[in-house]
């Protein structure tokens, strides 16, 4: 299996999860797709294009909103994190997923504050926006962790070939391109 096939699987999962009535708000595979595509697609513009088009197509069906450009910006940054970090070990994969979740939470909620009128445009309003966004962060966090682990596990199993767990856990390399 080629890395681009895993990207296709992740695109389909992203579509399905965006349309599913999940019990957790914002449970999505888009950050996992962006991290994996950043790390393993070739050419890179195709990987980034697939991430952004997946989001655009689902937004077209689900609806547009004022702050969505901040969400797209977050996915571009997450893609770049995958490209620069190229996570390979369980620790770097989990770490990149946590950074992706924090990136999306920070940018998307900043966008809601900046573009909307629900919160005052001062520091207390920004802090209130972040606090009110925490219930949505739970689904984002779980979705990001799960989708990232699945994408990189598929890569490990079908592209690189399986390795013993002890080899994975003892390796602490972080590859920077």
Protein backbone atom coordinates (compact mmCIF):
# COMPACT_ATOMS: atom_id res chain seq x y z
CA UNK A 1 0.00 0.00 0.00
CA UNK A 2 1.27 3.47 -0.85
CA UNK A 3 1.06 6.48 1.50
CA UNK A 4 -1.36 8.20 -0.88
CA UNK A 5 -3.78 5.27 -0.44
CA UNK A 6 -3.77 5.93 3.30
CA UNK A 7 -4.54 9.59 2.53
CA UNK A 8 -7.59 8.44 0.54
CA UNK A 9 -8.73 6.30 3.50
CA UNK A 10 -8.31 9.29 5.80
CA UNK A 11 -10.23 11.56 3.39
CA UNK A 12 -13.14 9.11 3.44
CA UNK A 13 -12.99 8.87 7.23
CA UNK A 14 -12.94 12.67 7.43
CA UNK A 15 -16.05 12.90 5.26
CA UNK A 16 -17.86 10.25 7.28
CA UNK A 17 -17.00 11.77 10.66
CA UNK A 18 -17.93 15.32 9.64
CA UNK A 19 -21.39 14.11 8.61
CA UNK A 20 -21.89 11.64 11.45
CA UNK A 21 -23.97 12.65 14.41
CA UNK A 22 -21.15 11.84 16.81
CA UNK A 23 -21.74 12.01 20.56
CA UNK A 24 -18.65 14.25 20.86
CA UNK A 25 -18.74 17.67 19.21
CA UNK A 26 -16.00 18.25 16.66
CA UNK A 27 -14.90 14.60 16.57
CA UNK A 28 -13.06 14.67 13.28
CA UNK A 29 -10.26 12.97 11.36
CA UNK A 30 -9.10 16.14 9.57
CA UNK A 31 -6.13 16.86 11.84
CA UNK A 32 -4.94 13.26 11.50
CA UNK A 33 -5.31 13.59 7.74
CA UNK A 34 -3.38 16.88 7.74
CA UNK A 35 -0.53 15.52 9.90
CA UNK A 36 -0.23 12.33 7.87
CA UNK A 37 -0.50 14.11 4.52
CA UNK A 38 2.16 16.60 5.61
CA UNK A 39 4.48 13.79 6.59
CA UNK A 40 3.94 11.32 3.77
CA UNK A 41 2.28 12.68 0.61
CA UNK A 42 4.09 13.43 -2.57
CA UNK A 43 3.80 15.94 -4.11
CA UNK A 44 3.13 18.07 -1.02
CA UNK A 45 0.75 20.47 -2.75
CA UNK A 46 -1.52 17.51 -3.55
CA UNK A 47 -1.60 16.45 0.11
CA UNK A 48 -2.40 19.96 1.31
CA UNK A 49 -4.98 20.37 -1.45
CA UNK A 50 -6.75 17.17 -0.40
CA UNK A 51 -6.91 18.32 3.23
CA UNK A 52 -8.34 21.72 2.31
CA UNK A 53 -10.73 20.34 -0.32
CA UNK A 54 -12.04 17.74 2.13
CA UNK A 55 -12.84 20.53 4.57
CA UNK A 56 -14.29 22.74 1.81
CA UNK A 57 -16.59 20.03 0.44
CA UNK A 58 -17.91 19.17 3.88
CA UNK A 59 -18.32 22.86 4.74
CA UNK A 60 -20.30 23.32 1.54
CA UNK A 61 -22.79 20.72 2.77
CA UNK A 62 -22.73 21.69 6.46
CA UNK A 63 -22.64 25.45 6.02
CA UNK A 64 -20.18 28.31 6.03
CA UNK A 65 -19.49 30.73 8.88
CA UNK A 66 -17.51 33.91 9.43
CA UNK A 67 -14.46 32.48 11.18
CA UNK A 68 -13.84 29.45 8.99
CA UNK A 69 -10.70 30.96 7.43
CA UNK A 70 -9.03 30.48 10.84
CA UNK A 71 -9.92 26.77 10.73
CA UNK A 72 -8.34 26.45 7.28
CA UNK A 73 -5.27 28.29 8.55
CA UNK A 74 -5.06 25.78 11.42
CA UNK A 75 -5.12 22.85 8.97
CA UNK A 76 -2.35 24.43 6.89
CA UNK A 77 -0.22 24.78 10.04
CA UNK A 78 -1.03 21.20 11.10
CA UNK A 79 -0.01 20.00 7.63
CA UNK A 80 3.27 21.90 8.01
CA UNK A 81 3.82 20.33 11.46
CA UNK A 82 3.52 16.90 9.84
CA UNK A 83 5.87 17.96 7.04
CA UNK A 84 8.56 19.37 9.34
CA UNK A 85 8.28 16.88 12.20
CA UNK A 86 7.59 13.69 10.19
CA UNK A 87 6.45 11.78 13.30
CA UNK A 88 7.74 8.20 13.39
CA UNK A 89 7.58 6.90 16.96
CA UNK A 90 4.47 6.53 19.10
CA UNK A 91 5.74 9.42 21.22
CA UNK A 92 6.27 11.85 18.35
CA UNK A 93 3.00 10.77 16.73
CA UNK A 94 1.07 11.38 19.96
CA UNK A 95 2.97 14.62 20.56
CA UNK A 96 2.24 15.95 17.08
CA UNK A 97 -1.42 15.06 17.57
CA UNK A 98 -1.57 17.03 20.82
CA UNK A 99 0.15 19.99 19.16
CA UNK A 100 -2.37 19.72 16.29
CA UNK A 101 -5.30 19.77 18.72
CA UNK A 102 -3.91 22.79 20.54
CA UNK A 103 -3.25 24.57 17.25
CA UNK A 104 -6.78 23.99 16.02
CA UNK A 105 -8.34 24.97 19.37
CA UNK A 106 -6.28 28.16 19.61
CA UNK A 107 -6.84 29.35 16.05
CA UNK A 108 -10.48 28.33 15.65
CA UNK A 109 -11.54 29.96 18.91
CA UNK A 110 -9.49 33.05 18.18
CA UNK A 111 -11.36 33.24 14.88
CA UNK A 112 -14.72 33.00 16.62
CA UNK A 113 -13.68 35.83 18.93
CA UNK A 114 -12.16 37.98 16.16
CA UNK A 115 -14.94 37.58 13.57
CA UNK A 116 -17.97 37.29 15.78
CA UNK A 117 -19.95 39.46 18.10
CA UNK A 118 -20.66 36.88 20.81
CA UNK A 119 -17.73 38.07 22.92
CA UNK A 120 -16.37 41.52 23.73
CA UNK A 121 -13.24 42.39 21.77
CA UNK A 122 -10.94 42.63 24.74
CA UNK A 123 -8.88 40.21 26.83
CA UNK A 124 -11.82 39.10 29.05
CA UNK A 125 -13.87 38.45 25.91
CA UNK A 126 -11.07 36.37 24.38
CA UNK A 127 -10.63 34.36 27.57
CA UNK A 128 -14.39 33.81 27.75
CA UNK A 129 -14.36 32.57 24.16
CA UNK A 130 -11.63 30.05 24.96
CA UNK A 131 -13.45 28.87 28.09
CA UNK A 132 -16.72 28.44 26.17
CA UNK A 133 -14.84 26.47 23.50
CA UNK A 134 -13.56 23.84 25.94
CA UNK A 135 -16.56 21.47 25.51
CA UNK A 136 -15.82 21.38 21.77
CA UNK A 137 -12.13 20.73 22.43
CA UNK A 138 -12.87 17.33 23.96
CA UNK A 139 -14.18 15.91 20.69
CA UNK A 140 -11.40 17.61 18.74
CA UNK A 141 -8.76 16.15 21.03
CA UNK A 142 -10.13 12.60 20.87
CA UNK A 143 -10.67 12.78 17.12
CA UNK A 144 -7.19 14.14 16.50
CA UNK A 145 -5.48 11.54 18.67
CA UNK A 146 -7.45 8.61 17.24
CA UNK A 147 -7.22 9.65 13.59
CA UNK A 148 -3.50 10.40 13.84
CA UNK A 149 -2.75 7.09 15.51
CA UNK A 150 -4.82 5.21 12.92
CA UNK A 151 -3.17 6.95 9.96
CA UNK A 152 0.37 6.38 11.22
CA UNK A 153 -0.43 2.81 12.34
CA UNK A 154 -1.69 2.04 8.83
CA UNK A 155 1.52 3.50 7.47
CA UNK A 156 3.64 1.45 9.86
CA UNK A 157 1.74 -1.76 9.06
CA UNK A 158 1.28 -1.48 5.30
CA UNK A 159 4.01 0.84 4.02
CA UNK A 160 7.02 0.19 6.30
CA UNK A 161 6.05 -3.28 7.47
CA UNK A 162 5.23 -4.32 11.02
CA UNK A 163 7.81 -3.94 13.78
CA UNK A 164 7.88 -5.35 17.28
CA UNK A 165 6.37 -3.03 19.89
CA UNK A 166 9.62 -2.94 21.89
CA UNK A 167 11.41 -1.50 18.82
CA UNK A 168 8.79 1.23 18.47
CA UNK A 169 8.88 2.26 22.11
CA UNK A 170 12.65 2.29 22.41
CA UNK A 171 13.11 4.49 19.36
CA UNK A 172 13.08 8.16 20.24
CA UNK A 173 14.11 9.64 16.94
CA UNK A 174 12.48 12.80 15.64
CA UNK A 175 13.10 13.30 11.95
CA UNK A 176 13.21 16.89 10.72
CA UNK A 177 13.14 17.38 6.99
